[in-house]
Structure formats: C-alpha cells, structure tokens
PDB file of N, CA and C in Angstrom:
ATOM      1  N   MET A   1     140.577 141.630 194.067  1.00  0.00           N
ATOM      2  CA  MET A   1     139.727 141.338 195.197  1.00  0.00           C
ATOM      3  C   MET A   1     138.552 142.299 195.188  1.00  0.00           C
ATOM      4  N   ALA A   2     137.421 141.819 195.664  1.00  0.00           N
ATOM      5  CA  ALA A   2     136.201 142.627 195.635  1.00  0.00           C
ATOM      6  C   ALA A   2     136.229 143.679 196.728  1.00  0.00           C
ATOM      7  N   ASN A   3     135.598 144.791 196.439  1.00  0.00           N
ATOM      8  CA  ASN A   3     135.455 145.846 197.419  1.00  0.00           C
ATOM      9  C   ASN A   3     134.175 145.593 198.192  1.00  0.00           C
ATOM     10  N   ASN A   4     134.293 145.258 199.470  1.00  0.00           N
ATOM     11  CA  ASN A   4     133.140 144.913 200.282  1.00  0.00           C
ATOM     12  C   ASN A   4     132.624 146.089 201.093  1.00  0.00           C
ATOM     13  N   GLN A   5     133.001 147.277 200.749  1.00  0.00           N
ATOM     14  CA  GLN A   5     132.543 148.459 201.461  1.00  0.00           C
ATOM     15  C   GLN A   5     131.279 148.988 200.821  1.00  0.00           C
ATOM     16  N   GLY A   6     130.264 149.195 201.650  1.00  0.00           N
ATOM     17  CA  GLY A   6     129.015 149.751 201.163  1.00  0.00           C
ATOM     18  C   GLY A   6     129.143 151.256 201.007  1.00  0.00           C
ATOM     19  N   PRO A   7     128.052 151.938 200.630  1.00  0.00           N
ATOM     20  CA  PRO A   7     128.101 153.379 200.441  1.00  0.00           C
ATOM     21  C   PRO A   7     128.432 154.134 201.731  1.00  0.00           C
ATOM     22  N   GLN A   8     128.067 153.588 202.897  1.00  0.00           N
ATOM     23  CA  GLN A   8     128.367 154.247 204.156  1.00  0.00           C
ATOM     24  C   GLN A   8     129.681 153.744 204.755  1.00  0.00           C
ATOM     25  N   GLY A   9     130.370 152.864 204.077  1.00  0.00           N
ATOM     26  CA  GLY A   9     131.615 152.318 204.585  1.00  0.00           C
ATOM     27  C   GLY A   9     131.412 151.122 205.492  1.00  0.00           C
ATOM     28  N   ASN A  10     130.209 150.575 205.544  1.00  0.00           N
ATOM     29  CA  ASN A  10     129.942 149.398 206.368  1.00  0.00           C
ATOM     30  C   ASN A  10     130.435 148.146 205.648  1.00  0.00           C
ATOM     31  N   TYR A  11     130.925 147.183 206.423  1.00  0.00           N
ATOM     32  CA  TYR A  11     131.416 145.926 205.856  1.00  0.00           C
ATOM     33  C   TYR A  11     130.241 145.096 205.374  1.00  0.00           C
ATOM     34  N   ASP A  12     130.347 144.578 204.170  1.00  0.00           N
ATOM     35  CA  ASP A  12     129.298 143.751 203.575  1.00  0.00           C
ATOM     36  C   ASP A  12     129.784 142.318 203.502  1.00  0.00           C
ATOM     37  N   PRO A  13     129.350 141.440 204.406  1.00  0.00           N
ATOM     38  CA  PRO A  13     129.831 140.064 204.369  1.00  0.00           C
ATOM     39  C   PRO A  13     129.330 139.291 203.154  1.00  0.00           C
ATOM     40  N   ALA A  14     128.278 139.767 202.492  1.00  0.00           N
ATOM     41  CA  ALA A  14     127.764 139.052 201.329  1.00  0.00           C
ATOM     42  C   ALA A  14     128.773 139.033 200.190  1.00  0.00           C
ATOM     43  N   GLY A  15     129.621 140.030 200.096  1.00  0.00           N
ATOM     44  CA  GLY A  15     130.628 140.049 199.031  1.00  0.00           C
ATOM     45  C   GLY A  15     131.579 138.876 199.143  1.00  0.00           C
ATOM     46  N   SER A  16     132.087 138.606 200.333  1.00  0.00           N
ATOM     47  CA  SER A  16     132.998 137.478 200.500  1.00  0.00           C
ATOM     48  C   SER A  16     132.247 136.156 200.393  1.00  0.00           C
ATOM     49  N   THR A  17     130.996 136.123 200.830  1.00  0.00           N
ATOM     50  CA  THR A  17     130.206 134.905 200.712  1.00  0.00           C
ATOM     51  C   THR A  17     129.949 134.575 199.250  1.00  0.00           C
ATOM     52  N   GLN A  18     129.651 135.587 198.449  1.00  0.00           N
ATOM     53  CA  GLN A  18     129.422 135.366 197.023  1.00  0.00           C
ATOM     54  C   GLN A  18     130.695 134.879 196.346  1.00  0.00           C
ATOM     55  N   MET A  19     131.838 135.404 196.734  1.00  0.00           N
ATOM     56  CA  MET A  19     133.099 134.950 196.153  1.00  0.00           C
ATOM     57  C   MET A  19     133.367 133.495 196.549  1.00  0.00           C
ATOM     58  N   PHE A  20     133.073 133.142 197.807  1.00  0.00           N
ATOM     59  CA  PHE A  20     133.281 131.774 198.255  1.00  0.00           C
ATOM     60  C   PHE A  20     132.376 130.810 197.510  1.00  0.00           C
ATOM     61  N   ARG A  21     131.095 131.171 197.355  1.00  0.00           N
ATOM     62  CA  ARG A  21     130.160 130.298 196.636  1.00  0.00           C
ATOM     63  C   ARG A  21     130.598 130.118 195.187  1.00  0.00           C
ATOM     64  N   ALA A  22     131.087 131.182 194.556  1.00  0.00           N
ATOM     65  CA  ALA A  22     131.557 131.059 193.181  1.00  0.00           C
ATOM     66  C   ALA A  22     132.747 130.104 193.119  1.00  0.00           C
ATOM     67  N   PHE A  23     133.625 130.172 194.106  1.00  0.00           N
ATOM     68  CA  PHE A  23     134.787 129.286 194.140  1.00  0.00           C
ATOM     69  C   PHE A  23     134.359 127.835 194.333  1.00  0.00           C
ATOM     70  N   VAL A  24     133.424 127.589 195.237  1.00  0.00           N
ATOM     71  CA  VAL A  24     132.972 126.224 195.501  1.00  0.00           C
ATOM     72  C   VAL A  24     132.211 125.674 194.303  1.00  0.00           C
ATOM     73  N   ASP A  25     131.324 126.470 193.728  1.00  0.00           N
ATOM     74  CA  ASP A  25     130.534 126.007 192.589  1.00  0.00           C
ATOM     75  C   ASP A  25     131.379 125.797 191.351  1.00  0.00           C
ATOM     76  N   GLU A  26     132.478 126.511 191.234  1.00  0.00           N
ATOM     77  CA  GLU A  26     133.331 126.394 190.049  1.00  0.00           C
ATOM     78  C   GLU A  26     133.973 125.015 189.952  1.00  0.00           C
ATOM     79  N   GLY A  27     134.378 124.435 191.084  1.00  0.00           N
ATOM     80  CA  GLY A  27     135.076 123.164 191.074  1.00  0.00           C
ATOM     81  C   GLY A  27     134.172 121.949 191.095  1.00  0.00           C
ATOM     82  N   ALA A  28     132.883 122.115 191.346  1.00  0.00           N
ATOM     83  CA  ALA A  28     131.983 120.971 191.452  1.00  0.00           C
ATOM     84  C   ALA A  28     131.513 120.525 190.072  1.00  0.00           C
ATOM     85  N   PRO A  29     131.619 119.231 189.762  1.00  0.00           N
ATOM     86  CA  PRO A  29     131.096 118.746 188.480  1.00  0.00           C
ATOM     87  C   PRO A  29     129.574 118.793 188.464  1.00  0.00           C
ATOM     88  N   GLN A  30     129.004 119.074 187.346  1.00  0.00           N
ATOM     89  CA  GLN A  30     127.561 119.217 187.228  1.00  0.00           C
ATOM     90  C   GLN A  30     126.839 117.878 187.363  1.00  0.00           C
ATOM     91  N   ALA A  31     127.448 116.784 186.949  1.00  0.00           N
ATOM     92  CA  ALA A  31     126.775 115.481 186.969  1.00  0.00           C
ATOM     93  C   ALA A  31     126.543 114.996 188.401  1.00  0.00           C
ATOM     94  N   SER A  32     127.430 115.348 189.336  1.00  0.00           N
ATOM     95  CA  SER A  32     127.281 114.831 190.696  1.00  0.00           C
ATOM     96  C   SER A  32     126.144 115.501 191.448  1.00  0.00           C
ATOM     97  N   ARG A  33     125.667 116.631 190.992  1.00  0.00           N
ATOM     98  CA  ARG A  33     124.584 117.321 191.697  1.00  0.00           C
ATOM     99  C   ARG A  33     123.250 116.624 191.488  1.00  0.00           C
ATOM    100  N   GLN A  34     123.052 115.950 190.382  1.00  0.00           N
ATOM    101  CA  GLN A  34     121.788 115.295 190.062  1.00  0.00           C
ATOM    102  C   GLN A  34     121.931 113.779 190.076  1.00  0.00           C
ATOM    103  N   ALA A  35     122.838 113.257 190.879  1.00  0.00           N
ATOM    104  CA  ALA A  35     123.073 111.816 190.903  1.00  0.00           C
ATOM    105  C   ALA A  35     121.872 111.103 191.531  1.00  0.00           C
ATOM    106  N   PRO A  36     121.419 110.010 190.932  1.00  0.00           N
ATOM    107  CA  PRO A  36     120.293 109.268 191.512  1.00  0.00           C
ATOM    108  C   PRO A  36     120.729 108.541 192.780  1.00  0.00           C
ATOM    109  N   ALA A  37     119.783 108.311 193.662  1.00  0.00           N
ATOM    110  CA  ALA A  37     120.078 107.612 194.910  1.00  0.00           C
ATOM    111  C   ALA A  37     120.343 106.134 194.619  1.00  0.00           C
ATOM    112  N   PRO A  38     121.375 105.566 195.216  1.00  0.00           N
ATOM    113  CA  PRO A  38     121.647 104.148 194.986  1.00  0.00           C
ATOM    114  C   PRO A  38     120.580 103.274 195.639  1.00  0.00           C
ATOM    115  N   ALA A  39     120.341 102.113 195.041  1.00  0.00           N
ATOM    116  CA  ALA A  39     119.314 101.203 195.545  1.00  0.00           C
ATOM    117  C   ALA A  39     119.856 100.274 196.624  1.00  0.00           C
ATOM    118  N   GLY A  40     121.157 100.264 196.864  1.00  0.00           N
ATOM    119  CA  GLY A  40     121.778  99.362 197.818  1.00  0.00           C
ATOM    120  C   GLY A  40     121.232  99.468 199.227  1.00  0.00           C
ATOM    121  N   PRO A  41     121.185 100.645 199.820  1.00  0.00           N
ATOM    122  CA  PRO A  41     120.677 100.745 201.193  1.00  0.00           C
ATOM    123  C   PRO A  41     119.218 100.322 201.316  1.00  0.00           C
ATOM    124  N   ARG A  42     118.419 100.542 200.299  1.00  0.00           N
ATOM    125  CA  ARG A  42     117.013 100.145 200.351  1.00  0.00           C
ATOM    126  C   ARG A  42     116.896  98.629 200.377  1.00  0.00           C
ATOM    127  N   VAL A  43     117.706  97.939 199.580  1.00  0.00           N
ATOM    128  CA  VAL A  43     117.680  96.477 199.555  1.00  0.00           C
ATOM    129  C   VAL A  43     118.147  95.929 200.899  1.00  0.00           C
ATOM    130  N   GLY A  44     119.175  96.533 201.459  1.00  0.00           N
ATOM    131  CA  GLY A  44     119.666  96.100 202.767  1.00  0.00           C
ATOM    132  C   GLY A  44     118.630  96.289 203.856  1.00  0.00           C
ATOM    133  N   LEU A  45     117.868  97.364 203.776  1.00  0.00           N
ATOM    134  CA  LEU A  45     116.813  97.601 204.759  1.00  0.00           C
ATOM    135  C   LEU A  45     115.725  96.542 204.663  1.00  0.00           C
ATOM    136  N   ILE A  46     115.333  96.176 203.458  1.00  0.00           N
ATOM    137  CA  ILE A  46     114.302  95.150 203.259  1.00  0.00           C
ATOM    138  C   ILE A  46     114.789  93.808 203.783  1.00  0.00           C
ATOM    139  N   VAL A  47     116.028  93.456 203.486  1.00  0.00           N
ATOM    140  CA  VAL A  47     116.586  92.191 203.965  1.00  0.00           C
ATOM    141  C   VAL A  47     116.674  92.193 205.491  1.00  0.00           C
ATOM    142  N   GLY A  48     117.052  93.307 206.084  1.00  0.00           N
ATOM    143  CA  GLY A  48     117.142  93.405 207.542  1.00  0.00           C
ATOM    144  C   GLY A  48     115.792  93.254 208.216  1.00  0.00           C
ATOM    145  N   VAL A  49     114.767  93.891 207.659  1.00  0.00           N
ATOM    146  CA  VAL A  49     113.422  93.779 208.229  1.00  0.00           C
ATOM    147  C   VAL A  49     112.915  92.345 208.092  1.00  0.00           C
ATOM    148  N   ALA A  50     113.155  91.717 206.956  1.00  0.00           N
ATOM    149  CA  ALA A  50     112.721  90.330 206.769  1.00  0.00           C
ATOM    150  C   ALA A  50     113.432  89.400 207.753  1.00  0.00           C
ATOM    151  N   ALA A  51     114.717  89.620 207.982  1.00  0.00           N
ATOM    152  CA  ALA A  51     115.462  88.794 208.939  1.00  0.00           C
ATOM    153  C   ALA A  51     114.926  89.004 210.353  1.00  0.00           C
ATOM    154  N   ALA A  52     114.601  90.244 210.708  1.00  0.00           N
ATOM    155  CA  ALA A  52     114.060  90.518 212.040  1.00  0.00           C
ATOM    156  C   ALA A  52     112.711  89.836 212.234  1.00  0.00           C
ATOM    157  N   VAL A  53     111.877  89.841 211.218  1.00  0.00           N
ATOM    158  CA  VAL A  53     110.573  89.170 211.309  1.00  0.00           C
ATOM    159  C   VAL A  53     110.768  87.671 211.483  1.00  0.00           C
ATOM    160  N   LEU A  54     111.690  87.093 210.725  1.00  0.00           N
ATOM    161  CA  LEU A  54     111.953  85.656 210.856  1.00  0.00           C
ATOM    162  C   LEU A  54     112.474  85.302 212.239  1.00  0.00           C
ATOM    163  N   ILE A  55     113.318  86.132 212.811  1.00  0.00           N
ATOM    164  CA  ILE A  55     113.846  85.873 214.152  1.00  0.00           C
ATOM    165  C   ILE A  55     112.724  85.935 215.186  1.00  0.00           C
ATOM    166  N   VAL A  56     111.848  86.937 215.060  1.00  0.00           N
ATOM    167  CA  VAL A  56     110.720  87.043 216.001  1.00  0.00           C
ATOM    168  C   VAL A  56     109.800  85.834 215.879  1.00  0.00           C
ATOM    169  N   VAL A  57     109.541  85.382 214.659  1.00  0.00           N
ATOM    170  CA  VAL A  57     108.681  84.207 214.467  1.00  0.00           C
ATOM    171  C   VAL A  57     109.343  82.971 215.049  1.00  0.00           C
ATOM    172  N   ALA A  58     110.654  82.809 214.846  1.00  0.00           N
ATOM    173  CA  ALA A  58     111.365  81.653 215.384  1.00  0.00           C
ATOM    174  C   ALA A  58     111.349  81.648 216.904  1.00  0.00           C
ATOM    175  N   VAL A  59     111.569  82.807 217.515  1.00  0.00           N
ATOM    176  CA  VAL A  59     111.567  82.875 218.975  1.00  0.00           C
ATOM    177  C   VAL A  59     110.159  82.583 219.506  1.00  0.00           C
ATOM    178  N   ALA A  60     109.137  83.118 218.861  1.00  0.00           N
ATOM    179  CA  ALA A  60     107.765  82.844 219.311  1.00  0.00           C
ATOM    180  C   ALA A  60     107.420  81.367 219.147  1.00  0.00           C
ATOM    181  N   TRP A  61     107.875  80.733 218.073  1.00  0.00           N
ATOM    182  CA  TRP A  61     107.616  79.307 217.851  1.00  0.00           C
ATOM    183  C   TRP A  61     108.300  78.459 218.919  1.00  0.00           C
ATOM    184  N   LEU A  62     109.554  78.831 219.250  1.00  0.00           N
ATOM    185  CA  LEU A  62     110.273  78.083 220.296  1.00  0.00           C
ATOM    186  C   LEU A  62     109.630  78.306 221.660  1.00  0.00           C
ATOM    187  N   ALA A  63     109.138  79.488 221.936  1.00  0.00           N
ATOM    188  CA  ALA A  63     108.544  79.771 223.236  1.00  0.00           C
ATOM    189  C   ALA A  63     107.198  79.069 223.411  1.00  0.00           C
ATOM    190  N   LEU A  64     106.440  78.935 222.341  1.00  0.00           N
ATOM    191  CA  LEU A  64     105.117  78.334 222.440  1.00  0.00           C
ATOM    192  C   LEU A  64     105.114  76.835 222.167  1.00  0.00           C
ATOM    193  N   ALA A  65     106.241  76.262 221.759  1.00  0.00           N
ATOM    194  CA  ALA A  65     106.280  74.838 221.422  1.00  0.00           C
ATOM    195  C   ALA A  65     106.441  73.982 222.653  1.00  0.00           C
TER     196      ALA A  65
END
C-alpha cells in the first residue's frame, strides 16, 4: 500500500486517487475509449422531425379545408 504521508505528516488524498485511477484504467479496454458514435439516434431524430412536420401540415390542411 502507498504511503500517503507528506513530509510534514499531512494526509495526501492524491495518493489514493492515483491508485484508484490506475485500478480503473487497468480494467478498461482501449478500443471502447475511441468508439465512434452510433448513427441510430441521429436517424431516429430525423424521422421524428419529419413525422412532426407532416402532422403539423395535416392538421393545418384539415383546419383550413
């Protein structure tokens, strides 16, 4: 275990934080950090906006007809 005591005997929280980060980074695969964003949500957003526009046009057509 690391000695987290500074020269004056003060507790150094960075020592435990560095150990925790090393533990977390050790188990993470490198490929998942640079994963590209999926295109699925973007396509769903475009379809949703198009459907909303069509609904507004249909309601306006029914109201003015």
